[in-house]
Amino acid sequence: MTATLLIMQIVLVIFITIAVLLQKSSSIGLGAYSGSNESVFGAKGPSGFLAKATFFLGFLFVVNTVALGYFYAQSKNKSVVDAMIESTDVAAPAAIAPFEPTSVAPEANSSK
């Protein structure tokens, strides 16, 4: 399910980018390359259609993002660090006992 939503997310990003770049701006953007589109979209040109399409694609993008977040949160109950620790098969080294000094001082040579 998440793979499908992730692919859909990538496709939505591409379509939103194209829709935004095709809109008319002060420098015209990529709208200059859509020469004969005015007859297809009506008398006003593509501006009304592209604005509605951009809004709709943006709405789908937000809904898809929320759905992806929900499904990833449901499938991943552990943190990334926990998953990394479980994936390694190397056992942790045994704890080394701390050094304990002897309380008995060595006896001095008492033979005289």
PDB file of N, CA and C in Angstrom:
ATOM      1  N   MET A   1       0.821  -1.193   0.000  1.00  0.00           N
ATOM      2  CA  MET A   1       0.000   0.000   0.000  1.00  0.00           C
ATOM      3  C   MET A   1       0.865   1.256   0.000  1.00  0.00           C
ATOM      4  N   THR A   2       1.910   1.230   0.840  1.00  0.00           N
ATOM      5  CA  THR A   2       2.761   2.413   0.890  1.00  0.00           C
ATOM      6  C   THR A   2       3.559   2.595  -0.402  1.00  0.00           C
ATOM      7  N   ALA A   3       3.895   1.493  -1.058  1.00  0.00           N
ATOM      8  CA  ALA A   3       4.622   1.609  -2.324  1.00  0.00           C
ATOM      9  C   ALA A   3       3.751   2.284  -3.375  1.00  0.00           C
ATOM     10  N   THR A   4       2.479   1.931  -3.415  1.00  0.00           N
ATOM     11  CA  THR A   4       1.555   2.549  -4.368  1.00  0.00           C
ATOM     12  C   THR A   4       1.391   4.036  -4.077  1.00  0.00           C
ATOM     13  N   LEU A   5       1.243   4.370  -2.802  1.00  0.00           N
ATOM     14  CA  LEU A   5       1.090   5.783  -2.435  1.00  0.00           C
ATOM     15  C   LEU A   5       2.364   6.573  -2.710  1.00  0.00           C
ATOM     16  N   LEU A   6       3.519   5.940  -2.541  1.00  0.00           N
ATOM     17  CA  LEU A   6       4.773   6.621  -2.821  1.00  0.00           C
ATOM     18  C   LEU A   6       4.936   6.896  -4.314  1.00  0.00           C
ATOM     19  N   ILE A   7       4.565   5.951  -5.144  1.00  0.00           N
ATOM     20  CA  ILE A   7       4.610   6.161  -6.595  1.00  0.00           C
ATOM     21  C   ILE A   7       3.629   7.260  -6.992  1.00  0.00           C
ATOM     22  N   MET A   8       2.446   7.236  -6.383  1.00  0.00           N
ATOM     23  CA  MET A   8       1.445   8.272  -6.651  1.00  0.00           C
ATOM     24  C   MET A   8       1.965   9.651  -6.233  1.00  0.00           C
ATOM     25  N   GLN A   9       2.715   9.697  -5.135  1.00  0.00           N
ATOM     26  CA  GLN A   9       3.284  10.956  -4.656  1.00  0.00           C
ATOM     27  C   GLN A   9       4.264  11.528  -5.673  1.00  0.00           C
ATOM     28  N   ILE A  10       5.101  10.684  -6.226  1.00  0.00           N
ATOM     29  CA  ILE A  10       6.082  11.130  -7.224  1.00  0.00           C
ATOM     30  C   ILE A  10       5.387  11.637  -8.478  1.00  0.00           C
ATOM     31  N   VAL A  11       4.357  10.924  -8.920  1.00  0.00           N
ATOM     32  CA  VAL A  11       3.602  11.345 -10.103  1.00  0.00           C
ATOM     33  C   VAL A  11       2.903  12.684  -9.841  1.00  0.00           C
ATOM     34  N   LEU A  12       2.335  12.851  -8.653  1.00  0.00           N
ATOM     35  CA  LEU A  12       1.676  14.115  -8.311  1.00  0.00           C
ATOM     36  C   LEU A  12       2.667  15.274  -8.300  1.00  0.00           C
ATOM     37  N   VAL A  13       3.872  15.035  -7.798  1.00  0.00           N
ATOM     38  CA  VAL A  13       4.888  16.086  -7.784  1.00  0.00           C
ATOM     39  C   VAL A  13       5.227  16.514  -9.203  1.00  0.00           C
ATOM     40  N   ILE A  14       5.362  15.559 -10.090  1.00  0.00           N
ATOM     41  CA  ILE A  14       5.679  15.884 -11.485  1.00  0.00           C
ATOM     42  C   ILE A  14       4.540  16.679 -12.119  1.00  0.00           C
ATOM     43  N   PHE A  15       3.289  16.241 -11.913  1.00  0.00           N
ATOM     44  CA  PHE A  15       2.147  16.951 -12.498  1.00  0.00           C
ATOM     45  C   PHE A  15       1.976  18.345 -11.910  1.00  0.00           C
ATOM     46  N   ILE A  16       2.197  18.507 -10.615  1.00  0.00           N
ATOM     47  CA  ILE A  16       2.085  19.834 -10.003  1.00  0.00           C
ATOM     48  C   ILE A  16       3.160  20.761 -10.563  1.00  0.00           C
ATOM     49  N   THR A  17       4.365  20.249 -10.717  1.00  0.00           N
ATOM     50  CA  THR A  17       5.449  21.062 -11.280  1.00  0.00           C
ATOM     51  C   THR A  17       5.111  21.520 -12.693  1.00  0.00           C
ATOM     52  N   ILE A  18       4.589  20.618 -13.489  1.00  0.00           N
ATOM     53  CA  ILE A  18       4.214  20.975 -14.863  1.00  0.00           C
ATOM     54  C   ILE A  18       3.079  21.995 -14.862  1.00  0.00           C
ATOM     55  N   ALA A  19       2.067  21.784 -14.010  1.00  0.00           N
ATOM     56  CA  ALA A  19       0.922  22.699 -13.966  1.00  0.00           C
ATOM     57  C   ALA A  19       1.342  24.091 -13.516  1.00  0.00           C
ATOM     58  N   VAL A  20       2.254  24.174 -12.564  1.00  0.00           N
ATOM     59  CA  VAL A  20       2.709  25.486 -12.095  1.00  0.00           C
ATOM     60  C   VAL A  20       3.546  26.174 -13.160  1.00  0.00           C
ATOM     61  N   LEU A  21       4.406  25.432 -13.828  1.00  0.00           N
ATOM     62  CA  LEU A  21       5.254  26.042 -14.848  1.00  0.00           C
ATOM     63  C   LEU A  21       4.477  26.449 -16.097  1.00  0.00           C
ATOM     64  N   LEU A  22       3.346  25.824 -16.356  1.00  0.00           N
ATOM     65  CA  LEU A  22       2.549  26.193 -17.524  1.00  0.00           C
ATOM     66  C   LEU A  22       1.696  27.438 -17.293  1.00  0.00           C
ATOM     67  N   GLN A  23       1.526  27.847 -16.053  1.00  0.00           N
ATOM     68  CA  GLN A  23       0.690  29.009 -15.779  1.00  0.00           C
ATOM     69  C   GLN A  23       1.382  30.288 -16.216  1.00  0.00           C
ATOM     70  N   LYS A  24       0.567  31.250 -16.538  1.00  0.00           N
ATOM     71  CA  LYS A  24       1.087  32.525 -17.023  1.00  0.00           C
ATOM     72  C   LYS A  24       1.660  33.310 -15.853  1.00  0.00           C
ATOM     73  N   SER A  25       2.831  33.856 -16.051  1.00  0.00           N
ATOM     74  CA  SER A  25       3.464  34.676 -15.030  1.00  0.00           C
ATOM     75  C   SER A  25       4.032  35.920 -15.697  1.00  0.00           C
ATOM     76  N   SER A  26       4.760  36.708 -14.948  1.00  0.00           N
ATOM     77  CA  SER A  26       5.323  37.922 -15.531  1.00  0.00           C
ATOM     78  C   SER A  26       6.354  37.585 -16.603  1.00  0.00           C
ATOM     79  N   SER A  27       7.040  36.474 -16.458  1.00  0.00           N
ATOM     80  CA  SER A  27       8.003  36.066 -17.471  1.00  0.00           C
ATOM     81  C   SER A  27       7.451  34.951 -18.356  1.00  0.00           C
ATOM     82  N   ILE A  28       6.187  34.684 -18.276  1.00  0.00           N
ATOM     83  CA  ILE A  28       5.430  33.713 -19.047  1.00  0.00           C
ATOM     84  C   ILE A  28       5.775  32.271 -18.689  1.00  0.00           C
ATOM     85  N   GLY A  29       6.953  31.948 -18.191  1.00  0.00           N
ATOM     86  CA  GLY A  29       7.305  30.581 -17.806  1.00  0.00           C
ATOM     87  C   GLY A  29       7.263  29.638 -18.988  1.00  0.00           C
ATOM     88  N   LEU A  30       6.831  28.430 -18.779  1.00  0.00           N
ATOM     89  CA  LEU A  30       6.730  27.458 -19.865  1.00  0.00           C
ATOM     90  C   LEU A  30       5.417  27.585 -20.620  1.00  0.00           C
ATOM     91  N   GLY A  31       4.567  28.521 -20.217  1.00  0.00           N
ATOM     92  CA  GLY A  31       3.312  28.740 -20.920  1.00  0.00           C
ATOM     93  C   GLY A  31       3.524  29.190 -22.361  1.00  0.00           C
ATOM     94  N   ALA A  32       4.679  29.731 -22.658  1.00  0.00           N
ATOM     95  CA  ALA A  32       4.985  30.162 -24.023  1.00  0.00           C
ATOM     96  C   ALA A  32       5.062  28.972 -24.967  1.00  0.00           C
ATOM     97  N   TYR A  33       5.345  27.804 -24.430  1.00  0.00           N
ATOM     98  CA  TYR A  33       5.465  26.615 -25.278  1.00  0.00           C
ATOM     99  C   TYR A  33       4.131  25.913 -25.521  1.00  0.00           C
ATOM    100  N   SER A  34       3.070  26.409 -24.905  1.00  0.00           N
ATOM    101  CA  SER A  34       1.770  25.773 -25.089  1.00  0.00           C
ATOM    102  C   SER A  34       0.926  26.569 -26.084  1.00  0.00           C
ATOM    103  N   GLY A  35       1.500  26.945 -27.159  1.00  0.00           N
ATOM    104  CA  GLY A  35       0.926  27.843 -28.150  1.00  0.00           C
ATOM    105  C   GLY A  35      -0.537  27.682 -28.489  1.00  0.00           C
ATOM    106  N   SER A  36      -0.996  26.537 -28.944  1.00  0.00           N
ATOM    107  CA  SER A  36      -2.370  26.394 -29.421  1.00  0.00           C
ATOM    108  C   SER A  36      -3.331  25.914 -28.340  1.00  0.00           C
ATOM    109  N   ASN A  37      -2.951  25.965 -27.107  1.00  0.00           N
ATOM    110  CA  ASN A  37      -3.821  25.486 -26.042  1.00  0.00           C
ATOM    111  C   ASN A  37      -5.031  26.384 -25.815  1.00  0.00           C
ATOM    112  N   GLU A  38      -4.964  27.626 -26.266  1.00  0.00           N
ATOM    113  CA  GLU A  38      -6.058  28.546 -26.016  1.00  0.00           C
ATOM    114  C   GLU A  38      -7.353  28.079 -26.676  1.00  0.00           C
ATOM    115  N   SER A  39      -7.271  27.458 -27.821  1.00  0.00           N
ATOM    116  CA  SER A  39      -8.482  26.982 -28.473  1.00  0.00           C
ATOM    117  C   SER A  39      -9.048  25.737 -27.778  1.00  0.00           C
ATOM    118  N   VAL A  40      -8.221  24.969 -27.141  1.00  0.00           N
ATOM    119  CA  VAL A  40      -8.670  23.762 -26.452  1.00  0.00           C
ATOM    120  C   VAL A  40      -9.370  24.115 -25.147  1.00  0.00           C
ATOM    121  N   PHE A  41      -8.836  25.087 -24.404  1.00  0.00           N
ATOM    122  CA  PHE A  41      -9.357  25.417 -23.091  1.00  0.00           C
ATOM    123  C   PHE A  41     -10.436  26.493 -23.110  1.00  0.00           C
ATOM    124  N   GLY A  42     -10.732  27.061 -24.232  1.00  0.00           N
ATOM    125  CA  GLY A  42     -11.787  28.071 -24.311  1.00  0.00           C
ATOM    126  C   GLY A  42     -11.233  29.456 -24.589  1.00  0.00           C
ATOM    127  N   ALA A  43     -12.129  30.472 -24.496  1.00  0.00           N
ATOM    128  CA  ALA A  43     -11.757  31.835 -24.848  1.00  0.00           C
ATOM    129  C   ALA A  43     -10.796  32.451 -23.832  1.00  0.00           C
ATOM    130  N   LYS A  44     -10.919  32.083 -22.576  1.00  0.00           N
ATOM    131  CA  LYS A  44     -10.044  32.655 -21.561  1.00  0.00           C
ATOM    132  C   LYS A  44      -8.638  32.075 -21.610  1.00  0.00           C
ATOM    133  N   GLY A  45      -8.469  30.989 -22.281  1.00  0.00           N
ATOM    134  CA  GLY A  45      -7.163  30.339 -22.320  1.00  0.00           C
ATOM    135  C   GLY A  45      -7.040  29.342 -21.184  1.00  0.00           C
ATOM    136  N   PRO A  46      -5.846  28.858 -20.966  1.00  0.00           N
ATOM    137  CA  PRO A  46      -5.654  27.798 -19.975  1.00  0.00           C
ATOM    138  C   PRO A  46      -5.565  28.299 -18.534  1.00  0.00           C
ATOM    139  N   SER A  47      -5.621  29.607 -18.315  1.00  0.00           N
ATOM    140  CA  SER A  47      -5.364  30.118 -16.966  1.00  0.00           C
ATOM    141  C   SER A  47      -6.379  29.606 -15.946  1.00  0.00           C
ATOM    142  N   GLY A  48      -7.673  29.620 -16.272  1.00  0.00           N
ATOM    143  CA  GLY A  48      -8.679  29.129 -15.337  1.00  0.00           C
ATOM    144  C   GLY A  48      -8.571  27.637 -15.109  1.00  0.00           C
ATOM    145  N   PHE A  49      -8.376  26.904 -16.184  1.00  0.00           N
ATOM    146  CA  PHE A  49      -8.250  25.453 -16.074  1.00  0.00           C
ATOM    147  C   PHE A  49      -6.997  25.061 -15.297  1.00  0.00           C
ATOM    148  N   LEU A  50      -5.866  25.711 -15.603  1.00  0.00           N
ATOM    149  CA  LEU A  50      -4.620  25.366 -14.925  1.00  0.00           C
ATOM    150  C   LEU A  50      -4.667  25.735 -13.442  1.00  0.00           C
ATOM    151  N   ALA A  51      -5.355  26.818 -13.098  1.00  0.00           N
ATOM    152  CA  ALA A  51      -5.479  27.189 -11.688  1.00  0.00           C
ATOM    153  C   ALA A  51      -6.293  26.137 -10.937  1.00  0.00           C
ATOM    154  N   LYS A  52      -7.391  25.693 -11.544  1.00  0.00           N
ATOM    155  CA  LYS A  52      -8.215  24.657 -10.901  1.00  0.00           C
ATOM    156  C   LYS A  52      -7.474  23.324 -10.833  1.00  0.00           C
ATOM    157  N   ALA A  53      -6.758  22.998 -11.895  1.00  0.00           N
ATOM    158  CA  ALA A  53      -5.997  21.740 -11.913  1.00  0.00           C
ATOM    159  C   ALA A  53      -4.881  21.775 -10.871  1.00  0.00           C
ATOM    160  N   THR A  54      -4.222  22.923 -10.727  1.00  0.00           N
ATOM    161  CA  THR A  54      -3.155  23.050  -9.732  1.00  0.00           C
ATOM    162  C   THR A  54      -3.716  22.909  -8.324  1.00  0.00           C
ATOM    163  N   PHE A  55      -4.859  23.524  -8.071  1.00  0.00           N
ATOM    164  CA  PHE A  55      -5.490  23.401  -6.757  1.00  0.00           C
ATOM    165  C   PHE A  55      -5.874  21.955  -6.476  1.00  0.00           C
ATOM    166  N   PHE A  56      -6.479  21.300  -7.458  1.00  0.00           N
ATOM    167  CA  PHE A  56      -6.901  19.905  -7.292  1.00  0.00           C
ATOM    168  C   PHE A  56      -5.694  18.989  -7.067  1.00  0.00           C
ATOM    169  N   LEU A  57      -4.632  19.173  -7.849  1.00  0.00           N
ATOM    170  CA  LEU A  57      -3.428  18.364  -7.679  1.00  0.00           C
ATOM    171  C   LEU A  57      -2.770  18.635  -6.323  1.00  0.00           C
ATOM    172  N   GLY A  58      -2.788  19.884  -5.887  1.00  0.00           N
ATOM    173  CA  GLY A  58      -2.245  20.216  -4.575  1.00  0.00           C
ATOM    174  C   GLY A  58      -3.044  19.561  -3.460  1.00  0.00           C
ATOM    175  N   PHE A  59      -4.358  19.555  -3.601  1.00  0.00           N
ATOM    176  CA  PHE A  59      -5.209  18.894  -2.613  1.00  0.00           C
ATOM    177  C   PHE A  59      -4.928  17.389  -2.561  1.00  0.00           C
ATOM    178  N   LEU A  60      -4.802  16.757  -3.735  1.00  0.00           N
ATOM    179  CA  LEU A  60      -4.466  15.331  -3.776  1.00  0.00           C
ATOM    180  C   LEU A  60      -3.099  15.060  -3.154  1.00  0.00           C
ATOM    181  N   PHE A  61      -2.157  15.979  -3.381  1.00  0.00           N
ATOM    182  CA  PHE A  61      -0.824  15.834  -2.823  1.00  0.00           C
ATOM    183  C   PHE A  61      -0.861  15.852  -1.293  1.00  0.00           C
ATOM    184  N   VAL A  62      -1.619  16.776  -0.730  1.00  0.00           N
ATOM    185  CA  VAL A  62      -1.719  16.871   0.731  1.00  0.00           C
ATOM    186  C   VAL A  62      -2.398  15.627   1.305  1.00  0.00           C
ATOM    187  N   VAL A  63      -3.486  15.179   0.686  1.00  0.00           N
ATOM    188  CA  VAL A  63      -4.192  13.984   1.161  1.00  0.00           C
ATOM    189  C   VAL A  63      -3.277  12.763   1.066  1.00  0.00           C
ATOM    190  N   ASN A  64      -2.546  12.656  -0.016  1.00  0.00           N
ATOM    191  CA  ASN A  64      -1.629  11.526  -0.198  1.00  0.00           C
ATOM    192  C   ASN A  64      -0.496  11.577   0.828  1.00  0.00           C
ATOM    193  N   THR A  65      -0.016  12.772   1.143  1.00  0.00           N
ATOM    194  CA  THR A  65       1.040  12.912   2.135  1.00  0.00           C
ATOM    195  C   THR A  65       0.556  12.477   3.512  1.00  0.00           C
ATOM    196  N   VAL A  66      -0.656  12.871   3.882  1.00  0.00           N
ATOM    197  CA  VAL A  66      -1.224  12.468   5.172  1.00  0.00           C
ATOM    198  C   VAL A  66      -1.416  10.952   5.216  1.00  0.00           C
ATOM    199  N   ALA A  67      -1.913  10.380   4.119  1.00  0.00           N
ATOM    200  CA  ALA A  67      -2.117   8.927   4.065  1.00  0.00           C
ATOM    201  C   ALA A  67      -0.786   8.188   4.177  1.00  0.00           C
ATOM    202  N   LEU A  68       0.249   8.683   3.492  1.00  0.00           N
ATOM    203  CA  LEU A  68       1.566   8.058   3.590  1.00  0.00           C
ATOM    204  C   LEU A  68       2.091   8.114   5.022  1.00  0.00           C
ATOM    205  N   GLY A  69       1.947   9.250   5.658  1.00  0.00           N
ATOM    206  CA  GLY A  69       2.389   9.371   7.041  1.00  0.00           C
ATOM    207  C   GLY A  69       1.658   8.426   7.962  1.00  0.00           C
ATOM    208  N   TYR A  70       0.359   8.280   7.754  1.00  0.00           N
ATOM    209  CA  TYR A  70      -0.438   7.374   8.583  1.00  0.00           C
ATOM    210  C   TYR A  70      -0.005   5.924   8.398  1.00  0.00           C
ATOM    211  N   PHE A  71       0.141   5.495   7.148  1.00  0.00           N
ATOM    212  CA  PHE A  71       0.495   4.100   6.893  1.00  0.00           C
ATOM    213  C   PHE A  71       1.922   3.782   7.325  1.00  0.00           C
ATOM    214  N   TYR A  72       2.844   4.730   7.164  1.00  0.00           N
ATOM    215  CA  TYR A  72       4.202   4.500   7.639  1.00  0.00           C
ATOM    216  C   TYR A  72       4.229   4.411   9.159  1.00  0.00           C
ATOM    217  N   ALA A  73       3.439   5.229   9.839  1.00  0.00           N
ATOM    218  CA  ALA A  73       3.397   5.183  11.302  1.00  0.00           C
ATOM    219  C   ALA A  73       2.795   3.874  11.787  1.00  0.00           C
ATOM    220  N   GLN A  74       1.824   3.333  11.064  1.00  0.00           N
ATOM    221  CA  GLN A  74       1.217   2.070  11.455  1.00  0.00           C
ATOM    222  C   GLN A  74       2.167   0.895  11.235  1.00  0.00           C
ATOM    223  N   SER A  75       2.944   0.954  10.172  1.00  0.00           N
ATOM    224  CA  SER A  75       3.820  -0.174   9.854  1.00  0.00           C
ATOM    225  C   SER A  75       5.135  -0.131  10.618  1.00  0.00           C
ATOM    226  N   LYS A  76       5.514   1.009  11.103  1.00  0.00           N
ATOM    227  CA  LYS A  76       6.790   1.149  11.808  1.00  0.00           C
ATOM    228  C   LYS A  76       6.540   1.544  13.254  1.00  0.00           C
ATOM    229  N   ASN A  77       6.458   0.557  14.120  1.00  0.00           N
ATOM    230  CA  ASN A  77       6.280   0.840  15.536  1.00  0.00           C
ATOM    231  C   ASN A  77       7.613   0.989  16.252  1.00  0.00           C
ATOM    232  N   LYS A  78       8.694   0.644  15.581  1.00  0.00           N
ATOM    233  CA  LYS A  78      10.015   0.748  16.167  1.00  0.00           C
ATOM    234  C   LYS A  78      10.776   1.878  15.487  1.00  0.00           C
ATOM    235  N   SER A  79      11.753   2.385  16.197  1.00  0.00           N
ATOM    236  CA  SER A  79      12.562   3.457  15.632  1.00  0.00           C
ATOM    237  C   SER A  79      13.578   2.881  14.657  1.00  0.00           C
ATOM    238  N   VAL A  80      14.215   3.735  13.922  1.00  0.00           N
ATOM    239  CA  VAL A  80      15.222   3.312  12.961  1.00  0.00           C
ATOM    240  C   VAL A  80      16.406   2.682  13.687  1.00  0.00           C
ATOM    241  N   VAL A  81      16.764   3.239  14.834  1.00  0.00           N
ATOM    242  CA  VAL A  81      17.890   2.694  15.590  1.00  0.00           C
ATOM    243  C   VAL A  81      17.571   1.287  16.072  1.00  0.00           C
ATOM    244  N   ASP A  82      16.336   1.048  16.532  1.00  0.00           N
ATOM    245  CA  ASP A  82      15.958  -0.304  16.955  1.00  0.00           C
ATOM    246  C   ASP A  82      16.057  -1.291  15.799  1.00  0.00           C
ATOM    247  N   ALA A  83      15.639  -0.871  14.626  1.00  0.00           N
ATOM    248  CA  ALA A  83      15.725  -1.749  13.457  1.00  0.00           C
ATOM    249  C   ALA A  83      17.172  -2.036  13.090  1.00  0.00           C
ATOM    250  N   MET A  84      18.047  -1.046  13.234  1.00  0.00           N
ATOM    251  CA  MET A  84      19.458  -1.257  12.922  1.00  0.00           C
ATOM    252  C   MET A  84      20.093  -2.216  13.921  1.00  0.00           C
ATOM    253  N   ILE A  85      19.723  -2.092  15.185  1.00  0.00           N
ATOM    254  CA  ILE A  85      20.284  -2.983  16.200  1.00  0.00           C
ATOM    255  C   ILE A  85      19.821  -4.409  15.972  1.00  0.00           C
ATOM    256  N   GLU A  86      18.554  -4.593  15.609  1.00  0.00           N
ATOM    257  CA  GLU A  86      18.044  -5.941  15.355  1.00  0.00           C
ATOM    258  C   GLU A  86      18.650  -6.557  14.107  1.00  0.00           C
ATOM    259  N   SER A  87      18.994  -5.727  13.128  1.00  0.00           N
ATOM    260  CA  SER A  87      19.512  -6.272  11.878  1.00  0.00           C
ATOM    261  C   SER A  87      20.962  -6.728  12.000  1.00  0.00           C
ATOM    262  N   THR A  88      21.679  -6.208  12.975  1.00  0.00           N
ATOM    263  CA  THR A  88      23.060  -6.645  13.145  1.00  0.00           C
ATOM    264  C   THR A  88      23.077  -7.930  13.956  1.00  0.00           C
ATOM    265  N   ASP A  89      23.865  -8.881  13.514  1.00  0.00           N
ATOM    266  CA  ASP A  89      23.953 -10.171  14.183  1.00  0.00           C
ATOM    267  C   ASP A  89      25.135 -10.233  15.136  1.00  0.00           C
ATOM    268  N   VAL A  90      25.875  -9.165  15.274  1.00  0.00           N
ATOM    269  CA  VAL A  90      27.047  -9.152  16.136  1.00  0.00           C
ATOM    270  C   VAL A  90      26.579  -8.995  17.573  1.00  0.00           C
ATOM    271  N   ALA A  91      27.022  -9.886  18.419  1.00  0.00           N
ATOM    272  CA  ALA A  91      26.640  -9.822  19.828  1.00  0.00           C
ATOM    273  C   ALA A  91      27.454  -8.733  20.520  1.00  0.00           C
ATOM    274  N   ALA A  92      26.850  -8.116  21.489  1.00  0.00           N
ATOM    275  CA  ALA A  92      27.539  -7.086  22.248  1.00  0.00           C
ATOM    276  C   ALA A  92      28.606  -7.739  23.107  1.00  0.00           C
ATOM    277  N   PRO A  93      29.740  -7.085  23.260  1.00  0.00           N
ATOM    278  CA  PRO A  93      30.795  -7.697  24.081  1.00  0.00           C
ATOM    279  C   PRO A  93      30.358  -7.782  25.537  1.00  0.00           C
ATOM    280  N   ALA A  94      30.857  -8.812  26.194  1.00  0.00           N
ATOM    281  CA  ALA A  94      30.517  -9.006  27.606  1.00  0.00           C
ATOM    282  C   ALA A  94      31.134  -7.888  28.427  1.00  0.00           C
ATOM    283  N   ALA A  95      30.454  -7.524  29.474  1.00  0.00           N
ATOM    284  CA  ALA A  95      30.951  -6.461  30.327  1.00  0.00           C
ATOM    285  C   ALA A  95      32.202  -6.932  31.056  1.00  0.00           C
ATOM    286  N   ILE A  96      33.178  -6.078  31.144  1.00  0.00           N
ATOM    287  CA  ILE A  96      34.427  -6.395  31.831  1.00  0.00           C
ATOM    288  C   ILE A  96      34.255  -6.010  33.291  1.00  0.00           C
ATOM    289  N   ALA A  97      34.633  -6.902  34.165  1.00  0.00           N
ATOM    290  CA  ALA A  97      34.501  -6.630  35.592  1.00  0.00           C
ATOM    291  C   ALA A  97      35.429  -5.485  35.974  1.00  0.00           C
ATOM    292  N   PRO A  98      34.950  -4.578  36.792  1.00  0.00           N
ATOM    293  CA  PRO A  98      35.808  -3.451  37.181  1.00  0.00           C
ATOM    294  C   PRO A  98      36.954  -3.921  38.071  1.00  0.00           C
ATOM    295  N   PHE A  99      38.030  -3.173  38.039  1.00  0.00           N
ATOM    296  CA  PHE A  99      39.209  -3.508  38.835  1.00  0.00           C
ATOM    297  C   PHE A  99      38.929  -3.214  40.295  1.00  0.00           C
ATOM    298  N   GLU A 100      39.188  -4.197  41.147  1.00  0.00           N
ATOM    299  CA  GLU A 100      39.006  -4.010  42.580  1.00  0.00           C
ATOM    300  C   GLU A 100      40.370  -4.137  43.257  1.00  0.00           C
ATOM    301  N   PRO A 101      40.871  -3.083  43.838  1.00  0.00           N
ATOM    302  CA  PRO A 101      42.187  -3.178  44.502  1.00  0.00           C
ATOM    303  C   PRO A 101      42.079  -4.009  45.778  1.00  0.00           C
ATOM    304  N   THR A 102      43.135  -4.695  46.095  1.00  0.00           N
ATOM    305  CA  THR A 102      43.150  -5.505  47.309  1.00  0.00           C
ATOM    306  C   THR A 102      43.326  -4.602  48.516  1.00  0.00           C
ATOM    307  N   SER A 103      42.632  -4.925  49.563  1.00  0.00           N
ATOM    308  CA  SER A 103      42.704  -4.094  50.753  1.00  0.00           C
ATOM    309  C   SER A 103      43.859  -4.495  51.669  1.00  0.00           C
ATOM    310  N   VAL A 104      44.450  -5.636  51.416  1.00  0.00           N
ATOM    311  CA  VAL A 104      45.550  -6.120  52.256  1.00  0.00           C
ATOM    312  C   VAL A 104      46.853  -5.686  51.619  1.00  0.00           C
ATOM    313  N   ALA A 105      47.638  -4.981  52.390  1.00  0.00           N
ATOM    314  CA  ALA A 105      48.937  -4.542  51.894  1.00  0.00           C
ATOM    315  C   ALA A 105      49.910  -5.693  51.998  1.00  0.00           C
ATOM    316  N   PRO A 106      50.851  -5.790  51.101  1.00  0.00           N
ATOM    317  CA  PRO A 106      51.827  -6.876  51.202  1.00  0.00           C
ATOM    318  C   PRO A 106      52.668  -6.724  52.475  1.00  0.00           C
ATOM    319  N   GLU A 107      52.917  -7.844  53.087  1.00  0.00           N
ATOM    320  CA  GLU A 107      53.666  -7.813  54.345  1.00  0.00           C
ATOM    321  C   GLU A 107      55.119  -7.482  54.069  1.00  0.00           C
ATOM    322  N   ALA A 108      55.665  -6.693  54.971  1.00  0.00           N
ATOM    323  CA  ALA A 108      57.087  -6.343  54.842  1.00  0.00           C
ATOM    324  C   ALA A 108      57.938  -7.498  55.372  1.00  0.00           C
ATOM    325  N   ASN A 109      59.088  -7.555  54.895  1.00  0.00           N
ATOM    326  CA  ASN A 109      59.993  -8.610  55.310  1.00  0.00           C
ATOM    327  C   ASN A 109      60.304  -8.418  56.801  1.00  0.00           C
ATOM    328  N   SER A 110      59.782  -9.289  57.627  1.00  0.00           N
ATOM    329  CA  SER A 110      59.931  -9.135  59.072  1.00  0.00           C
ATOM    330  C   SER A 110      61.150  -9.862  59.635  1.00  0.00           C
ATOM    331  N   SER A 111      61.896 -10.542  58.826  1.00  0.00           N
ATOM    332  CA  SER A 111      63.066 -11.242  59.327  1.00  0.00           C
ATOM    333  C   SER A 111      64.228 -10.268  59.443  1.00  0.00           C
ATOM    334  N   LYS A 112      64.815 -10.241  60.630  1.00  0.00           N
ATOM    335  CA  LYS A 112      65.944  -9.361  60.841  1.00  0.00           C
ATOM    336  C   LYS A 112      67.087 -10.096  61.359  1.00  0.00           C
TER     337      LYS A 112
END
